[in-house]
Amino acid sequence: MAELHAALAERWTYFDRLVYLGNLIGHGPDCLGVLDEVLAFRRRALAVPHAIPDDIVLLRGRQEEMWQKLLQLQFAADPPGVLQWLISHGVGATLEAYGGSIAQAEAESRQGAVALTRWTQTLRAVMQRHPGHAALFANLRRAAYSDDNGLLLVSCGLDPTRRLDQQNDCFWWGHPAFGLEVKHFRPFGTVIRGLAEPRQGPAPGLLQDEQLVTLDGGSDQGGPLIAACFDTEGRLHDHVTVP
């Protein structure tokens, strides 16, 4: 991530906007280091004269959503079942990064709501000891779009049968009809997503198909990170790929 930020810093110009498309945490061995790097780059970018907080936007991906669900596990109807589903989708790396373990989580999930509440509060306390992490999670956006509706940016997908203000968790889990019908999603001109789901074969990398752009290098499987620069009409001006 630091290498990608260095490349972006060389290209950064006044009026640029940066949107992270989610899934900053999860499968990687240093997900907390990634968050620290993102926060540090945000501070540097916002220190530039005339910069405003909305110049940098972080979207909620499925990994961030699952971490938040884990911190609310005491409210689940079936905590052991929900926990196993979360673990099978990659939340274990984040849990271990914040000092927990899968074995402990499985044991606590069977102890009832009171014990689970104490355990999740401990995880929250650890997260809050990392400067900026709790605020980052609290301020994740569901989607981002340009003022003229030329660009809509999402983590994974959306339900093309619903308006933007009626969307649910399809933003981070995708929708079966997304790739087929997104060209009809008005009033937005181009939709940009950060995770191709479902994948058929290797991650597509940077793929532009009519009004849908995918930026998925497969970083969750050891692939590269991709950043791209678009104008508000969806035209690609530059891109960066780092291993």
C-alpha atoms as a PDB file:
ATOM      1  CA  MET A   1       0.000   0.000   0.000  1.00  0.00           C
ATOM      2  CA  ALA A   2       2.858   2.410   0.762  1.00  0.00           C
ATOM      3  CA  GLU A   3       4.236   1.887  -2.757  1.00  0.00           C
ATOM      4  CA  LEU A   4       0.837   2.643  -4.265  1.00  0.00           C
ATOM      5  CA  HIS A   5       0.491   5.780  -2.154  1.00  0.00           C
ATOM      6  CA  ALA A   6       3.944   6.945  -3.252  1.00  0.00           C
ATOM      7  CA  ALA A   7       2.880   6.609  -6.889  1.00  0.00           C
ATOM      8  CA  LEU A   8      -0.356   8.484  -6.199  1.00  0.00           C
ATOM      9  CA  ALA A   9       1.476  11.285  -4.398  1.00  0.00           C
ATOM     10  CA  GLU A  10       3.571  11.901  -7.523  1.00  0.00           C
ATOM     11  CA  ARG A  11       0.402  12.270  -9.602  1.00  0.00           C
ATOM     12  CA  TRP A  12      -1.841  14.075  -7.101  1.00  0.00           C
ATOM     13  CA  THR A  13      -3.154  17.410  -8.367  1.00  0.00           C
ATOM     14  CA  TYR A  14      -5.510  20.045  -7.039  1.00  0.00           C
ATOM     15  CA  PHE A  15      -9.195  19.005  -7.258  1.00  0.00           C
ATOM     16  CA  ASP A  16      -8.339  15.296  -7.367  1.00  0.00           C
ATOM     17  CA  ARG A  17     -10.557  12.994  -5.324  1.00  0.00           C
ATOM     18  CA  LEU A  18      -9.519   9.586  -3.992  1.00  0.00           C
ATOM     19  CA  VAL A  19     -11.963   6.774  -3.230  1.00  0.00           C
ATOM     20  CA  TYR A  20     -10.873   3.509  -1.594  1.00  0.00           C
ATOM     21  CA  LEU A  21     -13.206   0.755  -2.772  1.00  0.00           C
ATOM     22  CA  GLY A  22     -13.311  -1.266   0.437  1.00  0.00           C
ATOM     23  CA  ASN A  23     -11.747  -4.505   1.720  1.00  0.00           C
ATOM     24  CA  LEU A  24      -8.696  -2.822   3.225  1.00  0.00           C
ATOM     25  CA  ILE A  25      -8.682  -5.451   5.968  1.00  0.00           C
ATOM     26  CA  GLY A  26      -9.207  -9.181   5.757  1.00  0.00           C
ATOM     27  CA  HIS A  27      -6.932 -11.726   4.150  1.00  0.00           C
ATOM     28  CA  GLY A  28      -3.579  -9.920   4.347  1.00  0.00           C
ATOM     29  CA  PRO A  29      -1.064 -10.563   7.137  1.00  0.00           C
ATOM     30  CA  ASP A  30      -0.728  -6.861   8.042  1.00  0.00           C
ATOM     31  CA  CYS A  31      -4.240  -5.456   7.732  1.00  0.00           C
ATOM     32  CA  LEU A  32      -3.714  -3.081  10.669  1.00  0.00           C
ATOM     33  CA  GLY A  33      -0.584  -1.751   9.008  1.00  0.00           C
ATOM     34  CA  VAL A  34      -2.674  -1.113   5.897  1.00  0.00           C
ATOM     35  CA  LEU A  35      -5.148   0.937   7.934  1.00  0.00           C
ATOM     36  CA  ASP A  36      -2.298   2.910   9.504  1.00  0.00           C
ATOM     37  CA  GLU A  37      -0.868   3.595   6.045  1.00  0.00           C
ATOM     38  CA  VAL A  38      -4.240   4.759   4.706  1.00  0.00           C
ATOM     39  CA  LEU A  39      -4.727   7.086   7.659  1.00  0.00           C
ATOM     40  CA  ALA A  40      -1.208   8.489   7.266  1.00  0.00           C
ATOM     41  CA  PHE A  41      -1.712   9.153   3.555  1.00  0.00           C
ATOM     42  CA  ARG A  42      -5.056  10.799   4.260  1.00  0.00           C
ATOM     43  CA  ARG A  43      -3.404  13.139   6.764  1.00  0.00           C
ATOM     44  CA  ARG A  44      -0.712  14.065   4.244  1.00  0.00           C
ATOM     45  CA  ALA A  45      -3.236  14.668   1.460  1.00  0.00           C
ATOM     46  CA  LEU A  46      -5.534  16.779   3.624  1.00  0.00           C
ATOM     47  CA  ALA A  47      -2.589  18.893   4.773  1.00  0.00           C
ATOM     48  CA  VAL A  48      -2.377  20.348   1.267  1.00  0.00           C
ATOM     49  CA  PRO A  49      -3.853  23.871   1.106  1.00  0.00           C
ATOM     50  CA  HIS A  50      -7.573  23.998   0.192  1.00  0.00           C
ATOM     51  CA  ALA A  51      -8.044  20.243   0.736  1.00  0.00           C
ATOM     52  CA  ILE A  52     -11.322  19.170   2.354  1.00  0.00           C
ATOM     53  CA  PRO A  53     -12.238  15.901   4.142  1.00  0.00           C
ATOM     54  CA  ASP A  54     -14.441  14.704   1.278  1.00  0.00           C
ATOM     55  CA  ASP A  55     -11.408  14.671  -1.006  1.00  0.00           C
ATOM     56  CA  ILE A  56     -10.702  11.184   0.360  1.00  0.00           C
ATOM     57  CA  VAL A  57     -13.543   8.704   0.801  1.00  0.00           C
ATOM     58  CA  LEU A  58     -13.383   5.158   2.149  1.00  0.00           C
ATOM     59  CA  LEU A  59     -16.115   2.727   1.152  1.00  0.00           C
ATOM     60  CA  ARG A  60     -17.328  -0.184   3.226  1.00  0.00           C
ATOM     61  CA  GLY A  61     -16.334  -3.525   1.710  1.00  0.00           C
ATOM     62  CA  ARG A  62     -17.430  -6.978   2.751  1.00  0.00           C
ATOM     63  CA  GLN A  63     -14.428  -7.402   5.050  1.00  0.00           C
ATOM     64  CA  GLU A  64     -15.208  -4.196   6.949  1.00  0.00           C
ATOM     65  CA  GLU A  65     -18.867  -5.206   7.127  1.00  0.00           C
ATOM     66  CA  MET A  66     -17.964  -8.611   8.579  1.00  0.00           C
ATOM     67  CA  TRP A  67     -15.711  -7.046  11.198  1.00  0.00           C
ATOM     68  CA  GLN A  68     -18.579  -4.855  12.330  1.00  0.00           C
ATOM     69  CA  LYS A  69     -20.859  -7.916  12.426  1.00  0.00           C
ATOM     70  CA  LEU A  70     -18.309  -9.739  14.557  1.00  0.00           C
ATOM     71  CA  LEU A  71     -18.287  -6.855  17.046  1.00  0.00           C
ATOM     72  CA  GLN A  72     -22.078  -7.261  17.325  1.00  0.00           C
ATOM     73  CA  LEU A  73     -22.065 -11.051  17.551  1.00  0.00           C
ATOM     74  CA  GLN A  74     -23.902 -11.010  20.898  1.00  0.00           C
ATOM     75  CA  PHE A  75     -27.029  -9.796  19.073  1.00  0.00           C
ATOM     76  CA  ALA A  76     -27.076 -12.675  16.567  1.00  0.00           C
ATOM     77  CA  ALA A  77     -29.817 -15.304  16.825  1.00  0.00           C
ATOM     78  CA  ASP A  78     -27.232 -18.067  16.271  1.00  0.00           C
ATOM     79  CA  PRO A  79     -23.807 -16.734  17.341  1.00  0.00           C
ATOM     80  CA  PRO A  80     -21.851 -19.976  16.647  1.00  0.00           C
ATOM     81  CA  GLY A  81     -23.387 -20.307  13.197  1.00  0.00           C
ATOM     82  CA  VAL A  82     -22.831 -16.648  12.313  1.00  0.00           C
ATOM     83  CA  LEU A  83     -19.248 -16.851  13.584  1.00  0.00           C
ATOM     84  CA  GLN A  84     -18.467 -19.859  11.391  1.00  0.00           C
ATOM     85  CA  TRP A  85     -19.868 -18.035   8.374  1.00  0.00           C
ATOM     86  CA  LEU A  86     -17.748 -14.962   9.142  1.00  0.00           C
ATOM     87  CA  ILE A  87     -14.622 -17.078   9.587  1.00  0.00           C
ATOM     88  CA  SER A  88     -15.237 -18.899   6.312  1.00  0.00           C
ATOM     89  CA  HIS A  89     -15.337 -15.516   4.552  1.00  0.00           C
ATOM     90  CA  GLY A  90     -12.049 -14.216   5.933  1.00  0.00           C
ATOM     91  CA  VAL A  91     -12.737 -12.341   9.175  1.00  0.00           C
ATOM     92  CA  GLY A  92     -10.170 -14.454  11.038  1.00  0.00           C
ATOM     93  CA  ALA A  93      -7.205 -12.391   9.836  1.00  0.00           C
ATOM     94  CA  THR A  94      -8.717  -9.187  11.233  1.00  0.00           C
ATOM     95  CA  LEU A  95      -9.693 -10.909  14.471  1.00  0.00           C
ATOM     96  CA  GLU A  96      -6.131 -12.131  15.017  1.00  0.00           C
ATOM     97  CA  ALA A  97      -4.673  -8.738  14.066  1.00  0.00           C
ATOM     98  CA  TYR A  98      -6.650  -7.155  16.914  1.00  0.00           C
ATOM     99  CA  GLY A  99      -5.387  -9.729  19.400  1.00  0.00           C
ATOM    100  CA  GLY A 100      -8.166 -12.318  19.250  1.00  0.00           C
ATOM    101  CA  SER A 101      -8.131 -15.897  18.040  1.00  0.00           C
ATOM    102  CA  ILE A 102     -10.556 -18.130  16.201  1.00  0.00           C
ATOM    103  CA  ALA A 103     -10.437 -20.730  18.978  1.00  0.00           C
ATOM    104  CA  GLN A 104     -11.315 -18.142  21.617  1.00  0.00           C
ATOM    105  CA  ALA A 105     -14.080 -16.720  19.421  1.00  0.00           C
ATOM    106  CA  GLU A 106     -15.612 -20.166  18.975  1.00  0.00           C
ATOM    107  CA  ALA A 107     -15.510 -20.787  22.723  1.00  0.00           C
ATOM    108  CA  GLU A 108     -17.046 -17.412  23.575  1.00  0.00           C
ATOM    109  CA  SER A 109     -19.792 -17.810  20.972  1.00  0.00           C
ATOM    110  CA  ARG A 110     -21.144 -20.751  22.975  1.00  0.00           C
ATOM    111  CA  GLN A 111     -21.151 -18.966  26.351  1.00  0.00           C
ATOM    112  CA  GLY A 112     -24.184 -16.743  25.941  1.00  0.00           C
ATOM    113  CA  ALA A 113     -24.854 -13.058  25.366  1.00  0.00           C
ATOM    114  CA  VAL A 114     -23.185 -11.749  28.546  1.00  0.00           C
ATOM    115  CA  ALA A 115     -19.868 -13.478  27.901  1.00  0.00           C
ATOM    116  CA  LEU A 116     -20.005 -12.526  24.219  1.00  0.00           C
ATOM    117  CA  THR A 117     -20.630  -8.896  25.120  1.00  0.00           C
ATOM    118  CA  ARG A 118     -17.567  -8.838  27.385  1.00  0.00           C
ATOM    119  CA  TRP A 119     -15.474 -10.416  24.639  1.00  0.00           C
ATOM    120  CA  THR A 120     -16.574  -8.035  21.873  1.00  0.00           C
ATOM    121  CA  GLN A 121     -16.046  -5.074  24.215  1.00  0.00           C
ATOM    122  CA  THR A 122     -12.469  -6.275  24.707  1.00  0.00           C
ATOM    123  CA  LEU A 123     -11.988  -6.349  20.920  1.00  0.00           C
ATOM    124  CA  ARG A 124     -13.422  -2.833  20.643  1.00  0.00           C
ATOM    125  CA  ALA A 125     -11.057  -1.611  23.342  1.00  0.00           C
ATOM    126  CA  VAL A 126      -8.072  -3.034  21.471  1.00  0.00           C
ATOM    127  CA  MET A 127      -9.269  -1.416  18.235  1.00  0.00           C
ATOM    128  CA  GLN A 128      -9.667   1.947  19.984  1.00  0.00           C
ATOM    129  CA  ARG A 129      -6.067   1.799  21.176  1.00  0.00           C
ATOM    130  CA  HIS A 130      -4.985   2.004  17.524  1.00  0.00           C
ATOM    131  CA  PRO A 131      -5.240   5.737  16.696  1.00  0.00           C
ATOM    132  CA  GLY A 132      -7.862   6.478  14.094  1.00  0.00           C
ATOM    133  CA  HIS A 133      -9.131   2.926  13.567  1.00  0.00           C
ATOM    134  CA  ALA A 134     -12.466   3.253  15.353  1.00  0.00           C
ATOM    135  CA  ALA A 135     -13.165   6.570  13.604  1.00  0.00           C
ATOM    136  CA  LEU A 136     -12.274   5.040  10.249  1.00  0.00           C
ATOM    137  CA  PHE A 137     -14.786   2.211  10.664  1.00  0.00           C
ATOM    138  CA  ALA A 138     -17.442   4.616  11.930  1.00  0.00           C
ATOM    139  CA  ASN A 139     -17.118   6.841   8.856  1.00  0.00           C
ATOM    140  CA  LEU A 140     -17.107   4.290   6.045  1.00  0.00           C
ATOM    141  CA  ARG A 141     -19.426   5.224   3.178  1.00  0.00           C
ATOM    142  CA  ARG A 142     -21.763   2.899   1.341  1.00  0.00           C
ATOM    143  CA  ALA A 143     -21.056   4.437  -2.075  1.00  0.00           C
ATOM    144  CA  ALA A 144     -19.601   7.574  -3.662  1.00  0.00           C
ATOM    145  CA  TYR A 145     -20.567   9.560  -6.730  1.00  0.00           C
ATOM    146  CA  SER A 146     -19.528  12.683  -8.571  1.00  0.00           C
ATOM    147  CA  ASP A 147     -21.619  15.838  -8.314  1.00  0.00           C
ATOM    148  CA  ASP A 148     -22.787  15.542 -11.918  1.00  0.00           C
ATOM    149  CA  ASN A 149     -23.695  11.820 -11.542  1.00  0.00           C
ATOM    150  CA  GLY A 150     -21.083  10.927 -14.141  1.00  0.00           C
ATOM    151  CA  LEU A 151     -19.394   8.410 -11.812  1.00  0.00           C
ATOM    152  CA  LEU A 152     -20.769   6.026  -9.210  1.00  0.00           C
ATOM    153  CA  LEU A 153     -18.237   4.066  -7.141  1.00  0.00           C
ATOM    154  CA  VAL A 154     -19.130   0.937  -5.164  1.00  0.00           C
ATOM    155  CA  SER A 155     -17.156  -1.786  -3.446  1.00  0.00           C
ATOM    156  CA  CYS A 156     -18.613  -4.801  -5.248  1.00  0.00           C
ATOM    157  CA  GLY A 157     -21.969  -4.150  -6.881  1.00  0.00           C
ATOM    158  CA  LEU A 158     -25.552  -3.063  -6.484  1.00  0.00           C
ATOM    159  CA  ASP A 159     -29.097  -4.172  -7.166  1.00  0.00           C
ATOM    160  CA  PRO A 160     -29.941  -2.690 -10.583  1.00  0.00           C
ATOM    161  CA  THR A 161     -33.686  -2.898  -9.819  1.00  0.00           C
ATOM    162  CA  ARG A 162     -33.447  -0.474  -6.871  1.00  0.00           C
ATOM    163  CA  ARG A 163     -32.647   3.224  -6.682  1.00  0.00           C
ATOM    164  CA  LEU A 164     -29.408   4.214  -4.996  1.00  0.00           C
ATOM    165  CA  ASP A 165     -31.193   5.254  -1.790  1.00  0.00           C
ATOM    166  CA  GLN A 166     -32.944   1.858  -1.655  1.00  0.00           C
ATOM    167  CA  GLN A 167     -29.866  -0.333  -1.887  1.00  0.00           C
ATOM    168  CA  ASN A 168     -28.992  -2.900   0.774  1.00  0.00           C
ATOM    169  CA  ASP A 169     -25.820  -4.905   1.336  1.00  0.00           C
ATOM    170  CA  CYS A 170     -25.442  -5.544  -2.397  1.00  0.00           C
ATOM    171  CA  PHE A 171     -22.899  -2.724  -2.236  1.00  0.00           C
ATOM    172  CA  TRP A 172     -20.384  -5.166  -0.707  1.00  0.00           C
ATOM    173  CA  TRP A 173     -21.850  -8.579  -1.597  1.00  0.00           C
ATOM    174  CA  GLY A 174     -22.873  -7.896  -5.176  1.00  0.00           C
ATOM    175  CA  HIS A 175     -26.015  -8.924  -7.045  1.00  0.00           C
ATOM    176  CA  PRO A 176     -26.538 -11.633  -9.717  1.00  0.00           C
ATOM    177  CA  ALA A 177     -27.883  -9.119 -12.244  1.00  0.00           C
ATOM    178  CA  PHE A 178     -25.307  -6.408 -11.596  1.00  0.00           C
ATOM    179  CA  GLY A 179     -22.922  -7.146 -14.456  1.00  0.00           C
ATOM    180  CA  LEU A 180     -25.738  -7.698 -16.930  1.00  0.00           C
ATOM    181  CA  GLU A 181     -27.933  -4.694 -16.222  1.00  0.00           C
ATOM    182  CA  VAL A 182     -25.650  -2.053 -14.730  1.00  0.00           C
ATOM    183  CA  LYS A 183     -25.579  -0.183 -18.032  1.00  0.00           C
ATOM    184  CA  HIS A 184     -29.204   0.692 -17.345  1.00  0.00           C
ATOM    185  CA  PHE A 185     -28.538   2.100 -13.871  1.00  0.00           C
ATOM    186  CA  ARG A 186     -29.523   5.715 -14.287  1.00  0.00           C
ATOM    187  CA  PRO A 187     -28.780   8.546 -13.800  1.00  0.00           C
ATOM    188  CA  PHE A 188     -25.138   7.509 -13.449  1.00  0.00           C
ATOM    189  CA  GLY A 189     -22.938   7.373 -16.506  1.00  0.00           C
ATOM    190  CA  THR A 190     -20.174   4.989 -15.350  1.00  0.00           C
ATOM    191  CA  VAL A 191     -20.097   2.573 -12.419  1.00  0.00           C
ATOM    192  CA  ILE A 192     -16.705   1.670 -10.919  1.00  0.00           C
ATOM    193  CA  ARG A 193     -16.313  -1.311  -8.600  1.00  0.00           C
ATOM    194  CA  GLY A 194     -13.358  -2.742  -6.694  1.00  0.00           C
ATOM    195  CA  LEU A 195     -14.298  -6.426  -6.492  1.00  0.00           C
ATOM    196  CA  ALA A 196     -15.500  -8.643  -9.323  1.00  0.00           C
ATOM    197  CA  GLU A 197     -18.042 -11.066  -7.910  1.00  0.00           C
ATOM    198  CA  PRO A 198     -18.432 -13.813  -8.778  1.00  0.00           C
ATOM    199  CA  ARG A 199     -14.971 -14.275 -10.262  1.00  0.00           C
ATOM    200  CA  GLN A 200     -14.642 -16.698 -13.127  1.00  0.00           C
ATOM    201  CA  GLY A 201     -10.962 -17.573 -13.253  1.00  0.00           C
ATOM    202  CA  PRO A 202      -8.215 -15.098 -12.315  1.00  0.00           C
ATOM    203  CA  ALA A 203      -9.034 -11.589 -11.099  1.00  0.00           C
ATOM    204  CA  PRO A 204      -9.731  -9.370 -14.112  1.00  0.00           C
ATOM    205  CA  GLY A 205      -7.403  -6.506 -13.189  1.00  0.00           C
ATOM    206  CA  LEU A 206      -8.493  -3.245 -14.784  1.00  0.00           C
ATOM    207  CA  LEU A 207     -11.461  -4.061 -16.996  1.00  0.00           C
ATOM    208  CA  GLN A 208     -13.718  -1.524 -18.719  1.00  0.00           C
ATOM    209  CA  ASP A 209     -16.873  -2.843 -20.367  1.00  0.00           C
ATOM    210  CA  GLU A 210     -19.340  -0.259 -21.646  1.00  0.00           C
ATOM    211  CA  GLN A 211     -20.402   1.661 -18.515  1.00  0.00           C
ATOM    212  CA  LEU A 212     -18.878  -0.722 -15.948  1.00  0.00           C
ATOM    213  CA  VAL A 213     -15.255  -0.479 -14.768  1.00  0.00           C
ATOM    214  CA  THR A 214     -13.684  -3.149 -12.543  1.00  0.00           C
ATOM    215  CA  LEU A 215     -10.495  -2.523 -10.550  1.00  0.00           C
ATOM    216  CA  ASP A 216      -9.757  -5.957  -9.108  1.00  0.00           C
ATOM    217  CA  GLY A 217      -6.190  -7.215  -9.228  1.00  0.00           C
ATOM    218  CA  GLY A 218      -6.889 -10.058  -6.809  1.00  0.00           C
ATOM    219  CA  SER A 219      -4.960  -8.554  -3.903  1.00  0.00           C
ATOM    220  CA  ASP A 220      -6.909 -10.860  -1.544  1.00  0.00           C
ATOM    221  CA  GLN A 221      -5.176 -13.760  -3.307  1.00  0.00           C
ATOM    222  CA  GLY A 222      -1.717 -12.252  -3.514  1.00  0.00           C
ATOM    223  CA  GLY A 223      -2.363 -10.191  -6.640  1.00  0.00           C
ATOM    224  CA  PRO A 224      -1.516  -6.529  -7.233  1.00  0.00           C
ATOM    225  CA  LEU A 225      -3.220  -3.347  -6.069  1.00  0.00           C
ATOM    226  CA  ILE A 226      -4.710  -1.115  -8.747  1.00  0.00           C
ATOM    227  CA  ALA A 227      -5.532   2.589  -8.735  1.00  0.00           C
ATOM    228  CA  ALA A 228      -6.983   4.435 -11.703  1.00  0.00           C
ATOM    229  CA  CYS A 229      -7.743   8.048 -12.572  1.00  0.00           C
ATOM    230  CA  PHE A 230     -11.007   8.865 -14.347  1.00  0.00           C
ATOM    231  CA  ASP A 231     -12.644  12.093 -15.322  1.00  0.00           C
ATOM    232  CA  THR A 232     -16.304  12.616 -14.455  1.00  0.00           C
ATOM    233  CA  GLU A 233     -17.343  11.275 -17.857  1.00  0.00           C
ATOM    234  CA  GLY A 234     -15.746   7.913 -17.154  1.00  0.00           C
ATOM    235  CA  ARG A 235     -12.692   8.339 -19.369  1.00  0.00           C
ATOM    236  CA  LEU A 236      -9.556   6.624 -18.068  1.00  0.00           C
ATOM    237  CA  HIS A 237      -6.585   9.009 -17.880  1.00  0.00           C
ATOM    238  CA  ASP A 238      -3.996   7.041 -15.915  1.00  0.00           C
ATOM    239  CA  HIS A 239      -3.588   3.945 -13.783  1.00  0.00           C
ATOM    240  CA  VAL A 240      -1.071   2.433 -11.380  1.00  0.00           C
ATOM    241  CA  THR A 241      -0.506  -1.237 -10.583  1.00  0.00           C
ATOM    242  CA  VAL A 242       1.814  -2.335  -7.777  1.00  0.00           C
ATOM    243  CA  PRO A 243       2.629  -5.888  -6.655  1.00  0.00           C
END
